[in-house]
Amino acid sequence: VRELAIRLPEVTEKVDSFGHTSFRVNDK
């Protein structure tokens, strides 16, 4: 999923307090 998501402009990866990995744009 990282390989697909990180290609998109301004995408960031974050691990939240629940331990979920998320991909975000504009912190959404």
mmCIF file of all heavy atoms, coordinates in Angstrom:
data_MODEL
# 
_entry.id   MODEL 
# 
loop_
_atom_site.group_PDB 
_atom_site.id 
_atom_site.type_symbol 
_atom_site.label_atom_id 
_atom_site.label_alt_id 
_atom_site.label_comp_id 
_atom_site.label_asym_id 
_atom_site.label_entity_id 
_atom_site.label_seq_id 
_atom_site.pdbx_PDB_ins_code 
_atom_site.Cartn_x 
_atom_site.Cartn_y 
_atom_site.Cartn_z 
_atom_site.occupancy 
_atom_site.B_iso_or_equiv 
_atom_site.pdbx_formal_charge 
_atom_site.auth_seq_id 
_atom_site.auth_comp_id 
_atom_site.auth_asym_id 
_atom_site.auth_atom_id 
_atom_site.pdbx_PDB_model_num 
ATOM 1   N N   . VAL A 1 1  ? 0.838   -1.193 0.000  1.00 0.00 ? 1  VAL A N   1 
ATOM 2   C CA  . VAL A 1 1  ? 0.000   0.000  0.000  1.00 0.00 ? 1  VAL A CA  1 
ATOM 3   C C   . VAL A 1 1  ? 0.879   1.250  0.000  1.00 0.00 ? 1  VAL A C   1 
ATOM 4   O O   . VAL A 1 1  ? 0.576   2.234  -0.689 1.00 0.00 ? 1  VAL A O   1 
ATOM 5   C CB  . VAL A 1 1  ? -0.977  -0.007 1.198  1.00 0.00 ? 1  VAL A CB  1 
ATOM 6   C CG1 . VAL A 1 1  ? -1.721  1.305  1.317  1.00 0.00 ? 1  VAL A CG1 1 
ATOM 7   C CG2 . VAL A 1 1  ? -1.954  -1.165 1.059  1.00 0.00 ? 1  VAL A CG2 1 
ATOM 8   N N   . ARG A 1 2  ? 1.980   1.227  0.730  1.00 0.00 ? 2  ARG A N   1 
ATOM 9   C CA  . ARG A 1 2  ? 2.906   2.361  0.744  1.00 0.00 ? 2  ARG A CA  1 
ATOM 10  C C   . ARG A 1 2  ? 3.386   2.660  -0.671 1.00 0.00 ? 2  ARG A C   1 
ATOM 11  O O   . ARG A 1 2  ? 3.439   3.813  -1.090 1.00 0.00 ? 2  ARG A O   1 
ATOM 12  C CB  . ARG A 1 2  ? 4.102   2.062  1.645  1.00 0.00 ? 2  ARG A CB  1 
ATOM 13  C CG  . ARG A 1 2  ? 5.119   3.215  1.695  1.00 0.00 ? 2  ARG A CG  1 
ATOM 14  C CD  . ARG A 1 2  ? 6.306   2.888  2.589  1.00 0.00 ? 2  ARG A CD  1 
ATOM 15  N NE  . ARG A 1 2  ? 5.878   2.767  3.973  1.00 0.00 ? 2  ARG A NE  1 
ATOM 16  C CZ  . ARG A 1 2  ? 5.971   1.629  4.685  1.00 0.00 ? 2  ARG A CZ  1 
ATOM 17  N NH1 . ARG A 1 2  ? 6.466   0.529  4.141  1.00 0.00 ? 2  ARG A NH1 1 
ATOM 18  N NH2 . ARG A 1 2  ? 5.567   1.602  5.936  1.00 0.00 ? 2  ARG A NH2 1 
ATOM 19  N N   . GLU A 1 3  ? 3.736   1.626  -1.410 1.00 0.00 ? 3  GLU A N   1 
ATOM 20  C CA  . GLU A 1 3  ? 4.224   1.806  -2.785 1.00 0.00 ? 3  GLU A CA  1 
ATOM 21  C C   . GLU A 1 3  ? 3.189   2.528  -3.658 1.00 0.00 ? 3  GLU A C   1 
ATOM 22  O O   . GLU A 1 3  ? 3.538   3.350  -4.500 1.00 0.00 ? 3  GLU A O   1 
ATOM 23  C CB  . GLU A 1 3  ? 4.568   0.447  -3.393 1.00 0.00 ? 3  GLU A CB  1 
ATOM 24  C CG  . GLU A 1 3  ? 5.226   0.538  -4.745 1.00 0.00 ? 3  GLU A CG  1 
ATOM 25  C CD  . GLU A 1 3  ? 5.630   -0.821 -5.275 1.00 0.00 ? 3  GLU A CD  1 
ATOM 26  O OE1 . GLU A 1 3  ? 6.096   -1.669 -4.480 1.00 0.00 ? 3  GLU A OE1 1 
ATOM 27  O OE2 . GLU A 1 3  ? 5.478   -1.033 -6.485 1.00 0.00 ? 3  GLU A OE2 1 
ATOM 28  N N   . LEU A 1 4  ? 1.915   2.228  -3.448 1.00 0.00 ? 4  LEU A N   1 
ATOM 29  C CA  . LEU A 1 4  ? 0.848   2.880  -4.219 1.00 0.00 ? 4  LEU A CA  1 
ATOM 30  C C   . LEU A 1 4  ? 0.558   4.294  -3.716 1.00 0.00 ? 4  LEU A C   1 
ATOM 31  O O   . LEU A 1 4  ? 0.405   5.230  -4.509 1.00 0.00 ? 4  LEU A O   1 
ATOM 32  C CB  . LEU A 1 4  ? -0.434  2.046  -4.145 1.00 0.00 ? 4  LEU A CB  1 
ATOM 33  C CG  . LEU A 1 4  ? -0.383  0.664  -4.774 1.00 0.00 ? 4  LEU A CG  1 
ATOM 34  C CD1 . LEU A 1 4  ? -1.631  -0.126 -4.409 1.00 0.00 ? 4  LEU A CD1 1 
ATOM 35  C CD2 . LEU A 1 4  ? -0.211  0.756  -6.283 1.00 0.00 ? 4  LEU A CD2 1 
ATOM 36  N N   . ALA A 1 5  ? 0.480   4.471  -2.407 1.00 0.00 ? 5  ALA A N   1 
ATOM 37  C CA  . ALA A 1 5  ? 0.045   5.743  -1.830 1.00 0.00 ? 5  ALA A CA  1 
ATOM 38  C C   . ALA A 1 5  ? 1.108   6.830  -1.892 1.00 0.00 ? 5  ALA A C   1 
ATOM 39  O O   . ALA A 1 5  ? 0.795   7.997  -2.140 1.00 0.00 ? 5  ALA A O   1 
ATOM 40  C CB  . ALA A 1 5  ? -0.405  5.529  -0.385 1.00 0.00 ? 5  ALA A CB  1 
ATOM 41  N N   . ILE A 1 6  ? 2.348   6.461  -1.697 1.00 0.00 ? 6  ILE A N   1 
ATOM 42  C CA  . ILE A 1 6  ? 3.399   7.463  -1.575 1.00 0.00 ? 6  ILE A CA  1 
ATOM 43  C C   . ILE A 1 6  ? 3.706   8.141  -2.917 1.00 0.00 ? 6  ILE A C   1 
ATOM 44  O O   . ILE A 1 6  ? 4.328   9.195  -2.960 1.00 0.00 ? 6  ILE A O   1 
ATOM 45  C CB  . ILE A 1 6  ? 4.664   6.844  -0.930 1.00 0.00 ? 6  ILE A CB  1 
ATOM 46  C CG1 . ILE A 1 6  ? 5.406   7.883  -0.104 1.00 0.00 ? 6  ILE A CG1 1 
ATOM 47  C CG2 . ILE A 1 6  ? 5.540   6.174  -1.939 1.00 0.00 ? 6  ILE A CG2 1 
ATOM 48  C CD1 . ILE A 1 6  ? 4.713   8.269  1.157  1.00 0.00 ? 6  ILE A CD1 1 
ATOM 49  N N   . ARG A 1 7  ? 3.219   7.568  -4.010 1.00 0.00 ? 7  ARG A N   1 
ATOM 50  C CA  . ARG A 1 7  ? 3.398   8.174  -5.333 1.00 0.00 ? 7  ARG A CA  1 
ATOM 51  C C   . ARG A 1 7  ? 2.557   9.427  -5.509 1.00 0.00 ? 7  ARG A C   1 
ATOM 52  O O   . ARG A 1 7  ? 2.824   10.239 -6.389 1.00 0.00 ? 7  ARG A O   1 
ATOM 53  C CB  . ARG A 1 7  ? 2.979   7.181  -6.424 1.00 0.00 ? 7  ARG A CB  1 
ATOM 54  C CG  . ARG A 1 7  ? 3.826   5.956  -6.510 1.00 0.00 ? 7  ARG A CG  1 
ATOM 55  C CD  . ARG A 1 7  ? 3.272   5.022  -7.555 1.00 0.00 ? 7  ARG A CD  1 
ATOM 56  N NE  . ARG A 1 7  ? 3.984   3.761  -7.564 1.00 0.00 ? 7  ARG A NE  1 
ATOM 57  C CZ  . ARG A 1 7  ? 3.596   2.700  -8.222 1.00 0.00 ? 7  ARG A CZ  1 
ATOM 58  N NH1 . ARG A 1 7  ? 2.490   2.741  -8.943 1.00 0.00 ? 7  ARG A NH1 1 
ATOM 59  N NH2 . ARG A 1 7  ? 4.301   1.593  -8.186 1.00 0.00 ? 7  ARG A NH2 1 
ATOM 60  N N   . LEU A 1 8  ? 1.530   9.565  -4.713 1.00 0.00 ? 8  LEU A N   1 
ATOM 61  C CA  . LEU A 1 8  ? 0.598   10.684 -4.836 1.00 0.00 ? 8  LEU A CA  1 
ATOM 62  C C   . LEU A 1 8  ? 1.189   11.935 -4.175 1.00 0.00 ? 8  LEU A C   1 
ATOM 63  O O   . LEU A 1 8  ? 1.881   11.833 -3.156 1.00 0.00 ? 8  LEU A O   1 
ATOM 64  C CB  . LEU A 1 8  ? -0.741  10.311 -4.209 1.00 0.00 ? 8  LEU A CB  1 
ATOM 65  C CG  . LEU A 1 8  ? -1.419  9.093  -4.845 1.00 0.00 ? 8  LEU A CG  1 
ATOM 66  C CD1 . LEU A 1 8  ? -2.569  8.600  -3.980 1.00 0.00 ? 8  LEU A CD1 1 
ATOM 67  C CD2 . LEU A 1 8  ? -1.880  9.418  -6.250 1.00 0.00 ? 8  LEU A CD2 1 
ATOM 68  N N   . PRO A 1 9  ? 0.922   13.121 -4.740 1.00 0.00 ? 9  PRO A N   1 
ATOM 69  C CA  . PRO A 1 9  ? 1.516   14.358 -4.213 1.00 0.00 ? 9  PRO A CA  1 
ATOM 70  C C   . PRO A 1 9  ? 1.161   14.636 -2.761 1.00 0.00 ? 9  PRO A C   1 
ATOM 71  O O   . PRO A 1 9  ? 0.008   14.500 -2.348 1.00 0.00 ? 9  PRO A O   1 
ATOM 72  C CB  . PRO A 1 9  ? 0.921   15.452 -5.119 1.00 0.00 ? 9  PRO A CB  1 
ATOM 73  C CG  . PRO A 1 9  ? 0.477   14.751 -6.353 1.00 0.00 ? 9  PRO A CG  1 
ATOM 74  C CD  . PRO A 1 9  ? 0.099   13.359 -5.929 1.00 0.00 ? 9  PRO A CD  1 
ATOM 75  N N   . GLU A 1 10 ? 2.192   15.018 -2.016 1.00 0.00 ? 10 GLU A N   1 
ATOM 76  C CA  . GLU A 1 10 ? 2.072   15.495 -0.634 1.00 0.00 ? 10 GLU A CA  1 
ATOM 77  C C   . GLU A 1 10 ? 1.486   14.478 0.338  1.00 0.00 ? 10 GLU A C   1 
ATOM 78  O O   . GLU A 1 10 ? 0.899   14.842 1.361  1.00 0.00 ? 10 GLU A O   1 
ATOM 79  C CB  . GLU A 1 10 ? 1.292   16.821 -0.584 1.00 0.00 ? 10 GLU A CB  1 
ATOM 80  C CG  . GLU A 1 10 ? 1.972   17.927 -1.368 1.00 0.00 ? 10 GLU A CG  1 
ATOM 81  C CD  . GLU A 1 10 ? 1.268   19.267 -1.271 1.00 0.00 ? 10 GLU A CD  1 
ATOM 82  O OE1 . GLU A 1 10 ? 0.581   19.534 -0.260 1.00 0.00 ? 10 GLU A OE1 1 
ATOM 83  O OE2 . GLU A 1 10 ? 1.417   20.054 -2.230 1.00 0.00 ? 10 GLU A OE2 1 
ATOM 84  N N   . VAL A 1 11 ? 1.650   13.200 0.057  1.00 0.00 ? 11 VAL A N   1 
ATOM 85  C CA  . VAL A 1 11 ? 1.167   12.149 0.961  1.00 0.00 ? 11 VAL A CA  1 
ATOM 86  C C   . VAL A 1 11 ? 2.184   11.932 2.076  1.00 0.00 ? 11 VAL A C   1 
ATOM 87  O O   . VAL A 1 11 ? 3.390   11.903 1.839  1.00 0.00 ? 11 VAL A O   1 
ATOM 88  C CB  . VAL A 1 11 ? 0.907   10.836 0.195  1.00 0.00 ? 11 VAL A CB  1 
ATOM 89  C CG1 . VAL A 1 11 ? 0.688   9.674  1.158  1.00 0.00 ? 11 VAL A CG1 1 
ATOM 90  C CG2 . VAL A 1 11 ? -0.290  10.992 -0.711 1.00 0.00 ? 11 VAL A CG2 1 
ATOM 91  N N   . THR A 1 12 ? 1.671   11.799 3.281  1.00 0.00 ? 12 THR A N   1 
ATOM 92  C CA  . THR A 1 12 ? 2.518   11.488 4.424  1.00 0.00 ? 12 THR A CA  1 
ATOM 93  C C   . THR A 1 12 ? 2.023   10.192 5.069  1.00 0.00 ? 12 THR A C   1 
ATOM 94  O O   . THR A 1 12 ? 0.854   9.827  4.940  1.00 0.00 ? 12 THR A O   1 
ATOM 95  C CB  . THR A 1 12 ? 2.500   12.616 5.478  1.00 0.00 ? 12 THR A CB  1 
ATOM 96  O OG1 . THR A 1 12 ? 1.156   12.833 5.918  1.00 0.00 ? 12 THR A OG1 1 
ATOM 97  C CG2 . THR A 1 12 ? 3.078   13.906 4.905  1.00 0.00 ? 12 THR A CG2 1 
ATOM 98  N N   . GLU A 1 13 ? 2.914   9.535  5.754  1.00 0.00 ? 13 GLU A N   1 
ATOM 99  C CA  . GLU A 1 13 ? 2.592   8.307  6.485  1.00 0.00 ? 13 GLU A CA  1 
ATOM 100 C C   . GLU A 1 13 ? 2.678   8.612  7.967  1.00 0.00 ? 13 GLU A C   1 
ATOM 101 O O   . GLU A 1 13 ? 3.593   9.312  8.419  1.00 0.00 ? 13 GLU A O   1 
ATOM 102 C CB  . GLU A 1 13 ? 3.586   7.214  6.110  1.00 0.00 ? 13 GLU A CB  1 
ATOM 103 C CG  . GLU A 1 13 ? 3.334   5.893  6.772  1.00 0.00 ? 13 GLU A CG  1 
ATOM 104 C CD  . GLU A 1 13 ? 4.283   4.803  6.296  1.00 0.00 ? 13 GLU A CD  1 
ATOM 105 O OE1 . GLU A 1 13 ? 4.981   4.991  5.291  1.00 0.00 ? 13 GLU A OE1 1 
ATOM 106 O OE2 . GLU A 1 13 ? 4.321   3.745  6.958  1.00 0.00 ? 13 GLU A OE2 1 
ATOM 107 N N   . LYS A 1 14 ? 1.720   8.093  8.726  1.00 0.00 ? 14 LYS A N   1 
ATOM 108 C CA  . LYS A 1 14 ? 1.682   8.359  10.163 1.00 0.00 ? 14 LYS A CA  1 
ATOM 109 C C   . LYS A 1 14 ? 1.157   7.122  10.879 1.00 0.00 ? 14 LYS A C   1 
ATOM 110 O O   . LYS A 1 14 ? 0.270   6.439  10.374 1.00 0.00 ? 14 LYS A O   1 
ATOM 111 C CB  . LYS A 1 14 ? 0.773   9.555  10.428 1.00 0.00 ? 14 LYS A CB  1 
ATOM 112 C CG  . LYS A 1 14 ? 0.674   9.973  11.873 1.00 0.00 ? 14 LYS A CG  1 
ATOM 113 C CD  . LYS A 1 14 ? -0.216  11.198 12.023 1.00 0.00 ? 14 LYS A CD  1 
ATOM 114 C CE  . LYS A 1 14 ? -0.357  11.597 13.473 1.00 0.00 ? 14 LYS A CE  1 
ATOM 115 N NZ  . LYS A 1 14 ? -1.245  12.759 13.622 1.00 0.00 ? 14 LYS A NZ  1 
ATOM 116 N N   . VAL A 1 15 ? 1.693   6.858  12.054 1.00 0.00 ? 15 VAL A N   1 
ATOM 117 C CA  . VAL A 1 15 ? 1.157   5.816  12.919 1.00 0.00 ? 15 VAL A CA  1 
ATOM 118 C C   . VAL A 1 15 ? 0.422   6.528  14.052 1.00 0.00 ? 15 VAL A C   1 
ATOM 119 O O   . VAL A 1 15 ? 1.003   7.354  14.758 1.00 0.00 ? 15 VAL A O   1 
ATOM 120 C CB  . VAL A 1 15 ? 2.267   4.902  13.476 1.00 0.00 ? 15 VAL A CB  1 
ATOM 121 C CG1 . VAL A 1 15 ? 1.686   3.874  14.431 1.00 0.00 ? 15 VAL A CG1 1 
ATOM 122 C CG2 . VAL A 1 15 ? 3.014   4.213  12.335 1.00 0.00 ? 15 VAL A CG2 1 
ATOM 123 N N   . ASP A 1 16 ? -0.872  6.224  14.198 1.00 0.00 ? 16 ASP A N   1 
ATOM 124 C CA  . ASP A 1 16 ? -1.670  6.910  15.211 1.00 0.00 ? 16 ASP A CA  1 
ATOM 125 C C   . ASP A 1 16 ? -1.536  6.242  16.579 1.00 0.00 ? 16 ASP A C   1 
ATOM 126 O O   . ASP A 1 16 ? -0.836  5.245  16.738 1.00 0.00 ? 16 ASP A O   1 
ATOM 127 C CB  . ASP A 1 16 ? -3.137  7.044  14.772 1.00 0.00 ? 16 ASP A CB  1 
ATOM 128 C CG  . ASP A 1 16 ? -3.876  5.720  14.670 1.00 0.00 ? 16 ASP A CG  1 
ATOM 129 O OD1 . ASP A 1 16 ? -3.420  4.708  15.250 1.00 0.00 ? 16 ASP A OD1 1 
ATOM 130 O OD2 . ASP A 1 16 ? -4.938  5.700  14.024 1.00 0.00 ? 16 ASP A OD2 1 
ATOM 131 N N   . SER A 1 17 ? -2.218  6.776  17.558 1.00 0.00 ? 17 SER A N   1 
ATOM 132 C CA  . SER A 1 17 ? -2.122  6.272  18.930 1.00 0.00 ? 17 SER A CA  1 
ATOM 133 C C   . SER A 1 17 ? -2.716  4.877  19.096 1.00 0.00 ? 17 SER A C   1 
ATOM 134 O O   . SER A 1 17 ? -2.486  4.217  20.095 1.00 0.00 ? 17 SER A O   1 
ATOM 135 C CB  . SER A 1 17 ? -2.788  7.248  19.903 1.00 0.00 ? 17 SER A CB  1 
ATOM 136 O OG  . SER A 1 17 ? -4.153  7.414  19.559 1.00 0.00 ? 17 SER A OG  1 
ATOM 137 N N   . PHE A 1 18 ? -3.495  4.406  18.107 1.00 0.00 ? 18 PHE A N   1 
ATOM 138 C CA  . PHE A 1 18 ? -4.042  3.054  18.137 1.00 0.00 ? 18 PHE A CA  1 
ATOM 139 C C   . PHE A 1 18 ? -3.102  2.050  17.482 1.00 0.00 ? 18 PHE A C   1 
ATOM 140 O O   . PHE A 1 18 ? -3.399  0.866  17.440 1.00 0.00 ? 18 PHE A O   1 
ATOM 141 C CB  . PHE A 1 18 ? -5.402  3.005  17.418 1.00 0.00 ? 18 PHE A CB  1 
ATOM 142 C CG  . PHE A 1 18 ? -6.462  3.822  18.081 1.00 0.00 ? 18 PHE A CG  1 
ATOM 143 C CD1 . PHE A 1 18 ? -6.856  5.040  17.540 1.00 0.00 ? 18 PHE A CD1 1 
ATOM 144 C CD2 . PHE A 1 18 ? -7.068  3.413  19.254 1.00 0.00 ? 18 PHE A CD2 1 
ATOM 145 C CE1 . PHE A 1 18 ? -7.832  5.802  18.143 1.00 0.00 ? 18 PHE A CE1 1 
ATOM 146 C CE2 . PHE A 1 18 ? -8.043  4.171  19.869 1.00 0.00 ? 18 PHE A CE2 1 
ATOM 147 C CZ  . PHE A 1 18 ? -8.423  5.381  19.319 1.00 0.00 ? 18 PHE A CZ  1 
ATOM 148 N N   . GLY A 1 19 ? -1.994  2.541  16.907 1.00 0.00 ? 19 GLY A N   1 
ATOM 149 C CA  . GLY A 1 19 ? -1.052  1.671  16.220 1.00 0.00 ? 19 GLY A CA  1 
ATOM 150 C C   . GLY A 1 19 ? -1.378  1.474  14.752 1.00 0.00 ? 19 GLY A C   1 
ATOM 151 O O   . GLY A 1 19 ? -0.724  0.713  14.059 1.00 0.00 ? 19 GLY A O   1 
ATOM 152 N N   . HIS A 1 20 ? -2.407  2.161  14.252 1.00 0.00 ? 20 HIS A N   1 
ATOM 153 C CA  . HIS A 1 20 ? -2.778  2.060  12.840 1.00 0.00 ? 20 HIS A CA  1 
ATOM 154 C C   . HIS A 1 20 ? -1.824  2.886  11.982 1.00 0.00 ? 20 HIS A C   1 
ATOM 155 O O   . HIS A 1 20 ? -1.522  4.021  12.322 1.00 0.00 ? 20 HIS A O   1 
ATOM 156 C CB  . HIS A 1 20 ? -4.194  2.580  12.597 1.00 0.00 ? 20 HIS A CB  1 
ATOM 157 C CG  . HIS A 1 20 ? -5.236  1.851  13.354 1.00 0.00 ? 20 HIS A CG  1 
ATOM 158 N ND1 . HIS A 1 20 ? -6.190  2.494  14.111 1.00 0.00 ? 20 HIS A ND1 1 
ATOM 159 C CD2 . HIS A 1 20 ? -5.485  0.523  13.484 1.00 0.00 ? 20 HIS A CD2 1 
ATOM 160 C CE1 . HIS A 1 20 ? -6.982  1.597  14.675 1.00 0.00 ? 20 HIS A CE1 1 
ATOM 161 N NE2 . HIS A 1 20 ? -6.567  0.396  14.312 1.00 0.00 ? 20 HIS A NE2 1 
ATOM 162 N N   . THR A 1 21 ? -1.395  2.313  10.891 1.00 0.00 ? 21 THR A N   1 
ATOM 163 C CA  . THR A 1 21 ? -0.623  3.069  9.910  1.00 0.00 ? 21 THR A CA  1 
ATOM 164 C C   . THR A 1 21 ? -1.616  3.761  8.996  1.00 0.00 ? 21 THR A C   1 
ATOM 165 O O   . THR A 1 21 ? -2.565  3.135  8.526  1.00 0.00 ? 21 THR A O   1 
ATOM 166 C CB  . THR A 1 21 ? 0.280   2.127  9.089  1.00 0.00 ? 21 THR A CB  1 
ATOM 167 O OG1 . THR A 1 21 ? 1.164   1.449  9.979  1.00 0.00 ? 21 THR A OG1 1 
ATOM 168 C CG2 . THR A 1 21 ? 1.075   2.895  8.046  1.00 0.00 ? 21 THR A CG2 1 
ATOM 169 N N   . SER A 1 22 ? -1.397  5.047  8.765  1.00 0.00 ? 22 SER A N   1 
ATOM 170 C CA  . SER A 1 22 ? -2.292  5.778  7.874  1.00 0.00 ? 22 SER A CA  1 
ATOM 171 C C   . SER A 1 22 ? -1.490  6.521  6.829  1.00 0.00 ? 22 SER A C   1 
ATOM 172 O O   . SER A 1 22 ? -0.335  6.885  7.040  1.00 0.00 ? 22 SER A O   1 
ATOM 173 C CB  . SER A 1 22 ? -3.162  6.761  8.656  1.00 0.00 ? 22 SER A CB  1 
ATOM 174 O OG  . SER A 1 22 ? -2.380  7.768  9.259  1.00 0.00 ? 22 SER A OG  1 
ATOM 175 N N   . PHE A 1 23 ? -2.135  6.711  5.687  1.00 0.00 ? 23 PHE A N   1 
ATOM 176 C CA  . PHE A 1 23 ? -1.593  7.579  4.658  1.00 0.00 ? 23 PHE A CA  1 
ATOM 177 C C   . PHE A 1 23 ? -2.545  8.744  4.565  1.00 0.00 ? 23 PHE A C   1 
ATOM 178 O O   . PHE A 1 23 ? -3.765  8.575  4.544  1.00 0.00 ? 23 PHE A O   1 
ATOM 179 C CB  . PHE A 1 23 ? -1.441  6.831  3.329  1.00 0.00 ? 23 PHE A CB  1 
ATOM 180 C CG  . PHE A 1 23 ? -0.324  5.834  3.397  1.00 0.00 ? 23 PHE A CG  1 
ATOM 181 C CD1 . PHE A 1 23 ? -0.581  4.511  3.697  1.00 0.00 ? 23 PHE A CD1 1 
ATOM 182 C CD2 . PHE A 1 23 ? 0.994   6.231  3.212  1.00 0.00 ? 23 PHE A CD2 1 
ATOM 183 C CE1 . PHE A 1 23 ? 0.446   3.596  3.807  1.00 0.00 ? 23 PHE A CE1 1 
ATOM 184 C CE2 . PHE A 1 23 ? 2.029   5.322  3.331  1.00 0.00 ? 23 PHE A CE2 1 
ATOM 185 C CZ  . PHE A 1 23 ? 1.758   4.004  3.623  1.00 0.00 ? 23 PHE A CZ  1 
ATOM 186 N N   . ARG A 1 24 ? -1.957  9.963  4.511  1.00 0.00 ? 24 ARG A N   1 
ATOM 187 C CA  . ARG A 1 24 ? -2.730  11.184 4.642  1.00 0.00 ? 24 ARG A CA  1 
ATOM 188 C C   . ARG A 1 24 ? -2.313  12.210 3.600  1.00 0.00 ? 24 ARG A C   1 
ATOM 189 O O   . ARG A 1 24 ? -1.172  12.207 3.159  1.00 0.00 ? 24 ARG A O   1 
ATOM 190 C CB  . ARG A 1 24 ? -2.493  11.805 6.025  1.00 0.00 ? 24 ARG A CB  1 
ATOM 191 C CG  . ARG A 1 24 ? -2.868  10.898 7.155  1.00 0.00 ? 24 ARG A CG  1 
ATOM 192 C CD  . ARG A 1 24 ? -2.283  11.404 8.491  1.00 0.00 ? 24 ARG A CD  1 
ATOM 193 N NE  . ARG A 1 24 ? -2.850  10.653 9.577  1.00 0.00 ? 24 ARG A NE  1 
ATOM 194 C CZ  . ARG A 1 24 ? -3.918  11.025 10.270 1.00 0.00 ? 24 ARG A CZ  1 
ATOM 195 N NH1 . ARG A 1 24 ? -4.513  12.164 10.029 1.00 0.00 ? 24 ARG A NH1 1 
ATOM 196 N NH2 . ARG A 1 24 ? -4.394  10.273 11.223 1.00 0.00 ? 24 ARG A NH2 1 
ATOM 197 N N   . VAL A 1 25 ? -3.238  13.070 3.289  1.00 0.00 ? 25 VAL A N   1 
ATOM 198 C CA  . VAL A 1 25 ? -2.940  14.246 2.478  1.00 0.00 ? 25 VAL A CA  1 
ATOM 199 C C   . VAL A 1 25 ? -3.581  15.415 3.210  1.00 0.00 ? 25 VAL A C   1 
ATOM 200 O O   . VAL A 1 25 ? -4.737  15.328 3.635  1.00 0.00 ? 25 VAL A O   1 
ATOM 201 C CB  . VAL A 1 25 ? -3.433  14.100 1.020  1.00 0.00 ? 25 VAL A CB  1 
ATOM 202 C CG1 . VAL A 1 25 ? -4.927  13.872 0.941  1.00 0.00 ? 25 VAL A CG1 1 
ATOM 203 C CG2 . VAL A 1 25 ? -3.017  15.307 0.181  1.00 0.00 ? 25 VAL A CG2 1 
ATOM 204 N N   . ASN A 1 26 ? -2.797  16.465 3.403  1.00 0.00 ? 26 ASN A N   1 
ATOM 205 C CA  . ASN A 1 26 ? -3.283  17.618 4.159  1.00 0.00 ? 26 ASN A CA  1 
ATOM 206 C C   . ASN A 1 26 ? -3.741  17.182 5.559  1.00 0.00 ? 26 ASN A C   1 
ATOM 207 O O   . ASN A 1 26 ? -4.716  17.697 6.094  1.00 0.00 ? 26 ASN A O   1 
ATOM 208 C CB  . ASN A 1 26 ? -4.412  18.314 3.387  1.00 0.00 ? 26 ASN A CB  1 
ATOM 209 C CG  . ASN A 1 26 ? -4.590  19.758 3.790  1.00 0.00 ? 26 ASN A CG  1 
ATOM 210 O OD1 . ASN A 1 26 ? -3.637  20.406 4.200  1.00 0.00 ? 26 ASN A OD1 1 
ATOM 211 N ND2 . ASN A 1 26 ? -5.806  20.254 3.674  1.00 0.00 ? 26 ASN A ND2 1 
ATOM 212 N N   . ASP A 1 27 ? -3.061  16.213 6.108  1.00 0.00 ? 27 ASP A N   1 
ATOM 213 C CA  . ASP A 1 27 ? -3.330  15.592 7.414  1.00 0.00 ? 27 ASP A CA  1 
ATOM 214 C C   . ASP A 1 27 ? -4.702  14.930 7.516  1.00 0.00 ? 27 ASP A C   1 
ATOM 215 O O   . ASP A 1 27 ? -5.207  14.654 8.599  1.00 0.00 ? 27 ASP A O   1 
ATOM 216 C CB  . ASP A 1 27 ? -3.122  16.563 8.571  1.00 0.00 ? 27 ASP A CB  1 
ATOM 217 C CG  . ASP A 1 27 ? -2.814  15.818 9.872  1.00 0.00 ? 27 ASP A CG  1 
ATOM 218 O OD1 . ASP A 1 27 ? -2.166  14.746 9.818  1.00 0.00 ? 27 ASP A OD1 1 
ATOM 219 O OD2 . ASP A 1 27 ? -3.230  16.281 10.946 1.00 0.00 ? 27 ASP A OD2 1 
ATOM 220 N N   . LYS A 1 28 ? -5.312  14.633 6.370  1.00 0.00 ? 28 LYS A N   1 
ATOM 221 C CA  . LYS A 1 28 ? -6.579  13.899 6.344  1.00 0.00 ? 28 LYS A CA  1 
ATOM 222 C C   . LYS A 1 28 ? -6.294  12.481 5.856  1.00 0.00 ? 28 LYS A C   1 
ATOM 223 O O   . LYS A 1 28 ? -5.756  12.294 4.773  1.00 0.00 ? 28 LYS A O   1 
ATOM 224 C CB  . LYS A 1 28 ? -7.580  14.569 5.403  1.00 0.00 ? 28 LYS A CB  1 
ATOM 225 C CG  . LYS A 1 28 ? -8.060  15.918 5.876  1.00 0.00 ? 28 LYS A CG  1 
ATOM 226 C CD  . LYS A 1 28 ? -9.059  16.479 4.918  1.00 0.00 ? 28 LYS A CD  1 
ATOM 227 C CE  . LYS A 1 28 ? -9.532  17.849 5.366  1.00 0.00 ? 28 LYS A CE  1 
ATOM 228 N NZ  . LYS A 1 28 ? -10.425 18.442 4.364  1.00 0.00 ? 28 LYS A NZ  1 
# 
